[in-house]
Amino acid sequence: MTTEDLGSTWSSRACPVRPLNDGCLAPMPGHWLALTEEGFVRITDDDQWLVGPVELPEETCEDIRDIPDRPRRGLHTSRDGRFAAVVSDYGQFATVVDLDEWVTVLDLDRDWNDNELTRYPLAFVGEGETAKVVAATDCDRLDVFALPGGELLTDREIPFPERGQPYPEHYLGYFLGALHPSPSERLLVTDGWVWHPVGIPLAIDLAAWLGGDRYAAEHPRHLADRDDTWDTPIAWVDENTVALQDANGVELWDAGTGRRTGMFAGPTGRMWGHGSLLYVAAEAGLEVWDPAEGARIGFLEGFTPTAHRDGTFAELRNDQLRTWTTAR
């Protein structure tokens, strides 16, 4: 299937902006935000300009020094474009910035315990008066903060187990990974692991947690046992179905029930869901997959985007910004 068959449009322009890595371009309403050596840069269809610098503390975990390219910076943006977070993926720290007021809202620290193995767990939810950020405040703890004030909304006590004793109530014993909110932000999947090691994606009922279930984050739904596999691409196909990618292909899981609903071989690369399809930035180009059929239905050779917004995919390299928008 060609790009014309997908009902798509292309855009390309000169853009001499250099993100720090392929995790440092993020969507904003109507434009894009990049994290560069100089700081945040806003990128519109016809211009780009520096917003300001941002820094994180120096890492303290010695284990990271033996792993190439870790830690590395990552960039997250809120749905309304007011807030941005710079995180230390495979590291310890993160900071949340109010771009409208140009002030730091939160400085976050998830401690040093094995954080070199996972991306920093952080996700924005809501917008305007309902805007919040969910983030790790320890290796095994998530919290939610109101924006723009940064007030903690999830204060609770989680007892640590004593040696040789059973886990106490509400203790999860889980190393948190990347966070993936569902389209409505009712559910939140985290891509983490437990000792042996075993990768276990978990689905947290975010609506219940914010609605008063104080320990909902400590009682998530178990989705899969993935041996020593975690930190892999994950995308929501629809409000209930989440796609988990590994070296063998993709598994589809109903995050509400914890049942596997499908699987197929093929995709390898960064993955997004849109319009009930999966878009995968493979090495040779962007692949379009129909998960219901387990079939590749489109391929855009040579186009390897690193960011997505409402059906528009963006690639920024060689001083060129290329975007492709699907009508599906």
Protein backbone atom coordinates (compact mmCIF):
# COMPACT_ATOMS: atom_id res chain seq x y z
CA MET A 1 0.00 0.00 0.00
CA THR A 2 1.37 3.45 -0.91
CA THR A 3 1.19 6.72 1.02
CA GLU A 4 -1.53 7.84 -1.41
CA ASP A 5 -3.59 4.78 -0.51
CA LEU A 6 -3.31 5.80 3.14
CA GLY A 7 -4.70 9.25 2.31
CA SER A 8 -1.62 11.04 3.57
CA THR A 9 0.12 14.38 3.18
CA TRP A 10 3.81 15.26 3.38
CA SER A 11 5.61 18.37 4.58
CA SER A 12 9.32 19.17 4.55
CA ARG A 13 11.42 22.22 5.35
CA ALA A 14 14.91 23.24 6.37
CA CYS A 15 15.31 23.05 10.16
CA PRO A 16 18.86 23.27 11.58
CA VAL A 17 17.85 21.99 15.03
CA ARG A 18 19.79 19.11 16.58
CA PRO A 19 17.95 17.15 19.29
CA LEU A 20 20.23 15.46 21.81
CA ASN A 21 18.98 12.02 20.70
CA ASP A 22 15.94 10.34 19.14
CA GLY A 23 14.01 10.72 22.40
CA CYS A 24 14.29 14.51 22.44
CA LEU A 25 11.61 15.57 19.95
CA ALA A 26 8.08 15.79 21.36
CA PRO A 27 4.64 16.99 20.19
CA MET A 28 3.04 20.31 21.06
CA PRO A 29 -0.38 21.61 19.89
CA GLY A 30 0.32 22.59 16.29
CA HIS A 31 4.10 22.33 16.49
CA TRP A 32 7.04 20.45 18.09
CA LEU A 33 9.49 20.87 20.93
CA ALA A 34 13.10 19.71 20.81
CA LEU A 35 15.67 19.35 23.56
CA THR A 36 19.10 20.42 22.32
CA GLU A 37 22.46 21.24 23.88
CA GLU A 38 21.26 24.84 24.21
CA GLY A 39 17.92 23.85 25.80
CA PHE A 40 14.30 23.77 24.64
CA VAL A 41 13.62 24.81 21.03
CA ARG A 42 10.11 25.36 19.66
CA ILE A 43 9.66 24.27 16.04
CA THR A 44 6.72 25.47 13.93
CA ASP A 45 5.99 24.94 10.24
CA ASP A 46 8.13 27.92 9.25
CA ASP A 47 10.38 28.85 12.16
CA GLN A 48 12.23 27.69 15.26
CA TRP A 49 13.40 29.56 18.33
CA LEU A 50 15.17 28.88 21.60
CA VAL A 51 12.92 28.87 24.67
CA GLY A 52 15.65 28.49 27.29
CA PRO A 53 18.17 26.16 28.93
CA VAL A 54 17.39 23.30 31.31
CA GLU A 55 19.70 21.16 33.44
CA LEU A 56 19.53 18.04 35.59
CA PRO A 57 21.78 17.13 38.53
CA GLU A 58 24.81 14.95 37.91
CA GLU A 59 24.09 11.22 38.23
CA THR A 60 25.31 9.46 41.37
CA CYS A 61 24.87 5.81 40.32
CA GLU A 62 28.26 4.26 39.53
CA ASP A 63 26.69 1.27 37.73
CA ILE A 64 25.67 3.51 34.81
CA ARG A 65 29.26 4.28 33.88
CA ASP A 66 29.82 0.78 32.47
CA ILE A 67 26.79 0.91 30.12
CA PRO A 68 27.24 2.76 26.79
CA ASP A 69 24.96 5.74 26.14
CA ARG A 70 23.44 5.66 29.63
CA PRO A 71 22.03 7.70 31.14
CA ARG A 72 20.49 9.70 28.30
CA ARG A 73 18.10 12.60 28.21
CA GLY A 74 14.44 12.15 27.36
CA LEU A 75 11.70 14.71 26.69
CA HIS A 76 7.98 14.62 27.59
CA THR A 77 5.32 17.25 26.91
CA SER A 78 1.81 17.79 28.26
CA ARG A 79 -1.18 17.51 25.95
CA ASP A 80 -1.89 21.25 26.08
CA GLY A 81 1.76 22.16 25.52
CA ARG A 82 2.18 24.16 28.70
CA PHE A 83 4.53 21.76 30.49
CA ALA A 84 7.64 19.86 29.51
CA ALA A 85 9.73 17.38 31.45
CA VAL A 86 13.37 16.52 30.94
CA VAL A 87 14.18 13.10 32.34
CA SER A 88 17.31 11.07 32.81
CA ASP A 89 16.35 7.81 31.12
CA TYR A 90 18.28 4.97 32.76
CA GLY A 91 19.15 7.51 35.42
CA GLN A 92 17.95 9.12 38.59
CA PHE A 93 16.54 12.60 38.00
CA ALA A 94 13.82 14.52 36.20
CA THR A 95 12.55 18.09 36.16
CA VAL A 96 9.17 19.54 35.11
CA VAL A 97 9.04 23.05 33.62
CA ASP A 98 6.11 25.42 33.11
CA LEU A 99 6.86 26.75 29.62
CA ASP A 100 4.33 29.59 29.90
CA GLU A 101 5.86 31.02 33.06
CA TRP A 102 9.37 29.58 32.51
CA VAL A 103 9.66 28.24 36.03
CA THR A 104 10.59 24.83 37.39
CA VAL A 105 7.50 23.13 38.82
CA LEU A 106 9.09 19.94 40.16
CA ASP A 107 12.50 18.40 40.66
CA LEU A 108 12.20 14.62 40.89
CA ASP A 109 14.53 11.90 42.19
CA ARG A 110 13.77 8.16 41.95
CA ASP A 111 16.90 7.16 43.90
CA TRP A 112 19.71 5.08 42.42
CA ASN A 113 18.48 1.49 42.87
CA ASP A 114 18.88 -0.30 39.48
CA ASN A 115 17.57 2.72 37.62
CA GLU A 116 20.18 2.15 34.88
CA LEU A 117 17.86 -0.59 33.56
CA THR A 118 14.69 1.41 32.81
CA ARG A 119 13.56 4.67 31.30
CA TYR A 120 12.44 7.29 33.80
CA PRO A 121 8.77 6.62 34.68
CA LEU A 122 6.94 9.87 33.89
CA ALA A 123 3.77 10.83 32.03
CA PHE A 124 1.57 13.90 31.80
CA VAL A 125 -2.20 13.49 32.07
CA GLY A 126 -5.05 15.96 31.78
CA GLU A 127 -4.81 19.53 30.55
CA GLY A 128 -5.63 23.02 31.74
CA GLU A 129 -7.05 22.91 35.26
CA THR A 130 -6.88 19.10 35.31
CA ALA A 131 -3.22 18.86 34.27
CA LYS A 132 -1.11 16.48 36.36
CA VAL A 133 2.15 14.61 36.12
CA VAL A 134 2.64 10.98 37.19
CA ALA A 135 6.24 10.22 38.06
CA ALA A 136 8.52 7.91 40.01
CA THR A 137 9.67 9.25 43.36
CA ASP A 138 11.56 6.06 44.21
CA CYS A 139 12.62 2.98 42.25
CA ASP A 140 9.33 1.28 43.16
CA ARG A 141 6.95 4.16 43.87
CA LEU A 142 4.77 6.39 41.70
CA ASP A 143 3.16 9.64 42.75
CA VAL A 144 0.85 12.15 41.10
CA PHE A 145 1.36 15.91 41.30
CA ALA A 146 -1.06 18.70 40.41
CA LEU A 147 0.05 21.32 37.89
CA PRO A 148 1.13 24.06 37.84
CA GLY A 149 1.60 24.12 41.62
CA GLY A 150 3.29 20.75 42.03
CA GLU A 151 1.11 19.66 44.98
CA LEU A 152 1.38 15.98 45.90
CA LEU A 153 -1.98 14.25 45.37
CA THR A 154 -1.05 10.70 46.40
CA ASP A 155 0.45 10.88 49.87
CA ARG A 156 0.48 7.42 51.47
CA GLU A 157 2.64 5.08 53.56
CA ILE A 158 4.14 2.00 51.90
CA PRO A 159 5.92 -0.20 54.47
CA PHE A 160 9.20 -1.84 53.45
CA PRO A 161 9.43 -5.62 54.07
CA GLU A 162 11.67 -6.87 56.84
CA ARG A 163 14.25 -9.48 55.92
CA GLY A 164 12.79 -12.99 55.95
CA GLN A 165 9.22 -11.76 56.41
CA PRO A 166 6.34 -11.83 53.91
CA TYR A 167 5.68 -8.71 51.91
CA PRO A 168 3.43 -6.35 53.88
CA GLU A 169 0.14 -5.14 52.43
CA HIS A 170 0.55 -2.58 49.63
CA TYR A 171 4.21 -3.41 49.02
CA LEU A 172 4.64 -4.18 45.29
CA GLY A 173 8.33 -5.10 45.05
CA TYR A 174 8.54 -3.88 41.44
CA PHE A 175 11.08 -1.80 39.51
CA LEU A 176 9.10 0.77 37.54
CA GLY A 177 9.74 1.50 33.87
CA ALA A 178 8.31 3.75 31.17
CA LEU A 179 4.69 4.91 31.61
CA HIS A 180 2.04 4.69 28.88
CA PRO A 181 -1.39 6.28 29.57
CA SER A 182 -4.38 4.93 27.65
CA PRO A 183 -6.08 7.33 25.18
CA SER A 184 -8.65 8.44 27.77
CA GLU A 185 -6.00 8.30 30.55
CA ARG A 186 -8.19 5.88 32.50
CA LEU A 187 -5.43 3.27 32.60
CA LEU A 188 -1.66 3.50 32.88
CA VAL A 189 0.71 0.74 31.74
CA THR A 190 4.21 0.61 33.19
CA ASP A 191 6.99 -1.41 31.54
CA GLY A 192 9.02 -2.62 34.53
CA TRP A 193 10.47 -5.78 36.03
CA VAL A 194 10.88 -7.89 39.16
CA TRP A 195 13.66 -10.13 40.33
CA HIS A 196 14.81 -12.93 38.58
CA PRO A 197 14.69 -10.75 36.39
CA VAL A 198 11.28 -10.98 34.73
CA GLY A 199 9.72 -8.22 32.68
CA ILE A 200 6.10 -7.72 33.78
CA PRO A 201 4.01 -4.93 32.24
CA LEU A 202 1.39 -3.78 34.73
CA ALA A 203 -1.85 -1.87 34.17
CA ILE A 204 -2.72 0.68 36.87
CA ASP A 205 -6.29 1.94 37.22
CA LEU A 206 -5.41 5.62 37.13
CA ALA A 207 -9.03 6.74 37.32
CA ALA A 208 -9.55 4.76 40.53
CA TRP A 209 -6.29 6.03 41.99
CA LEU A 210 -7.17 9.66 41.37
CA GLY A 211 -10.75 8.95 42.45
CA GLY A 212 -9.78 8.00 45.98
CA ASP A 213 -8.41 4.44 45.86
CA ARG A 214 -5.28 5.37 47.76
CA TYR A 215 -3.25 2.25 46.98
CA ALA A 216 -4.42 1.57 43.42
CA ALA A 217 -0.86 1.97 42.12
CA GLU A 218 0.28 -0.84 44.44
CA HIS A 219 -2.46 -3.21 43.21
CA PRO A 220 -2.20 -3.12 39.41
CA ARG A 221 -3.32 -5.72 36.88
CA HIS A 222 -0.61 -8.18 35.81
CA LEU A 223 -0.45 -8.37 32.00
CA ALA A 224 2.40 -10.69 31.01
CA ASP A 225 5.54 -12.55 32.11
CA ARG A 226 8.29 -11.70 29.62
CA ASP A 227 11.34 -13.55 31.00
CA ASP A 228 14.20 -11.04 30.90
CA THR A 229 12.41 -8.69 28.46
CA TRP A 230 11.34 -5.14 29.31
CA ASP A 231 12.08 -1.59 28.12
CA THR A 232 10.56 -2.40 24.71
CA PRO A 233 8.10 -0.45 22.52
CA ILE A 234 4.54 -0.26 23.82
CA ALA A 235 1.51 1.42 22.24
CA TRP A 236 -2.22 1.63 22.84
CA VAL A 237 -4.32 0.33 19.94
CA ASP A 238 -7.55 1.53 21.50
CA GLU A 239 -8.84 2.37 24.97
CA ASN A 240 -8.55 -1.22 26.20
CA THR A 241 -5.97 -2.89 23.94
CA VAL A 242 -2.26 -2.38 24.48
CA ALA A 243 0.41 -3.73 22.12
CA LEU A 244 3.60 -5.12 23.68
CA GLN A 245 6.53 -5.54 21.31
CA ASP A 246 9.48 -7.90 21.74
CA ALA A 247 12.00 -9.67 19.51
CA ASN A 248 9.34 -12.12 18.30
CA GLY A 249 6.74 -9.54 17.29
CA VAL A 250 3.71 -8.05 19.05
CA GLU A 251 1.28 -9.34 21.66
CA LEU A 252 -2.10 -7.67 22.17
CA TRP A 253 -3.50 -7.49 25.70
CA ASP A 254 -6.78 -6.28 27.13
CA ALA A 255 -5.50 -4.04 29.92
CA GLY A 256 -8.88 -4.03 31.63
CA THR A 257 -9.13 -7.81 32.03
CA GLY A 258 -5.48 -8.90 31.78
CA ARG A 259 -6.24 -11.32 28.90
CA ARG A 260 -4.06 -11.74 25.83
CA THR A 261 -6.25 -11.15 22.78
CA GLY A 262 -3.81 -11.62 19.90
CA MET A 263 -0.25 -11.87 18.66
CA PHE A 264 1.64 -11.56 15.38
CA ALA A 265 5.22 -11.49 14.13
CA GLY A 266 6.91 -8.66 12.29
CA PRO A 267 7.26 -5.15 13.74
CA THR A 268 10.53 -4.02 15.27
CA GLY A 269 11.05 -0.40 16.30
CA ARG A 270 9.50 2.58 18.07
CA MET A 271 5.74 2.18 17.99
CA TRP A 272 2.63 4.38 18.14
CA GLY A 273 -1.07 3.63 17.98
CA HIS A 274 -3.50 5.78 15.97
CA GLY A 275 -6.90 5.06 14.46
CA SER A 276 -6.77 1.40 15.57
CA LEU A 277 -3.55 0.88 13.57
CA LEU A 278 0.05 0.52 14.69
CA TYR A 279 2.82 2.65 13.22
CA VAL A 280 6.34 1.29 13.65
CA ALA A 281 9.54 3.23 12.91
CA ALA A 282 11.55 0.29 11.59
CA GLU A 283 15.13 0.54 10.38
CA ALA A 284 14.14 0.84 6.70
CA GLY A 285 11.14 3.14 7.17
CA LEU A 286 7.73 3.61 8.78
CA GLU A 287 5.57 0.48 8.73
CA VAL A 288 1.78 0.59 9.09
CA TRP A 289 0.20 -2.50 10.68
CA ASP A 290 -3.39 -3.62 11.11
CA PRO A 291 -3.25 -5.43 14.48
CA ALA A 292 -6.66 -7.02 13.97
CA GLU A 293 -5.30 -8.87 10.93
CA GLY A 294 -1.68 -9.07 12.05
CA ALA A 295 -0.68 -7.71 8.64
CA ARG A 296 1.47 -4.88 7.36
CA ILE A 297 -0.71 -2.64 5.20
CA GLY A 298 1.68 0.19 4.41
CA PHE A 299 5.36 1.13 4.23
CA LEU A 300 7.07 4.51 3.90
CA GLU A 301 10.62 3.74 2.86
CA GLY A 302 13.35 5.94 4.31
CA PHE A 303 11.05 7.77 6.75
CA THR A 304 11.91 7.03 10.39
CA PRO A 305 9.97 9.40 12.66
CA THR A 306 10.75 9.92 16.33
CA ALA A 307 7.62 11.80 17.41
CA HIS A 308 3.87 11.60 16.81
CA ARG A 309 0.88 13.91 17.31
CA ASP A 310 -2.71 13.03 16.32
CA GLY A 311 -1.78 11.15 13.16
CA THR A 312 1.18 13.34 12.22
CA PHE A 313 4.63 11.80 12.43
CA ALA A 314 7.84 13.85 12.54
CA GLU A 315 11.43 13.14 11.59
CA LEU A 316 14.17 15.69 12.29
CA ARG A 317 17.55 14.85 10.81
CA ASN A 318 20.15 16.25 8.40
CA ASP A 319 18.82 19.75 9.12
CA GLN A 320 15.42 18.82 7.68
CA LEU A 321 12.04 18.51 9.40
CA ARG A 322 9.84 16.02 7.57
CA THR A 323 6.29 15.28 8.64
CA TRP A 324 3.75 12.80 7.33
CA THR A 325 0.06 12.96 8.22
CA THR A 326 -2.31 10.07 7.70
CA ALA A 327 -5.99 10.69 7.08
CA ARG A 328 -6.95 7.43 8.78
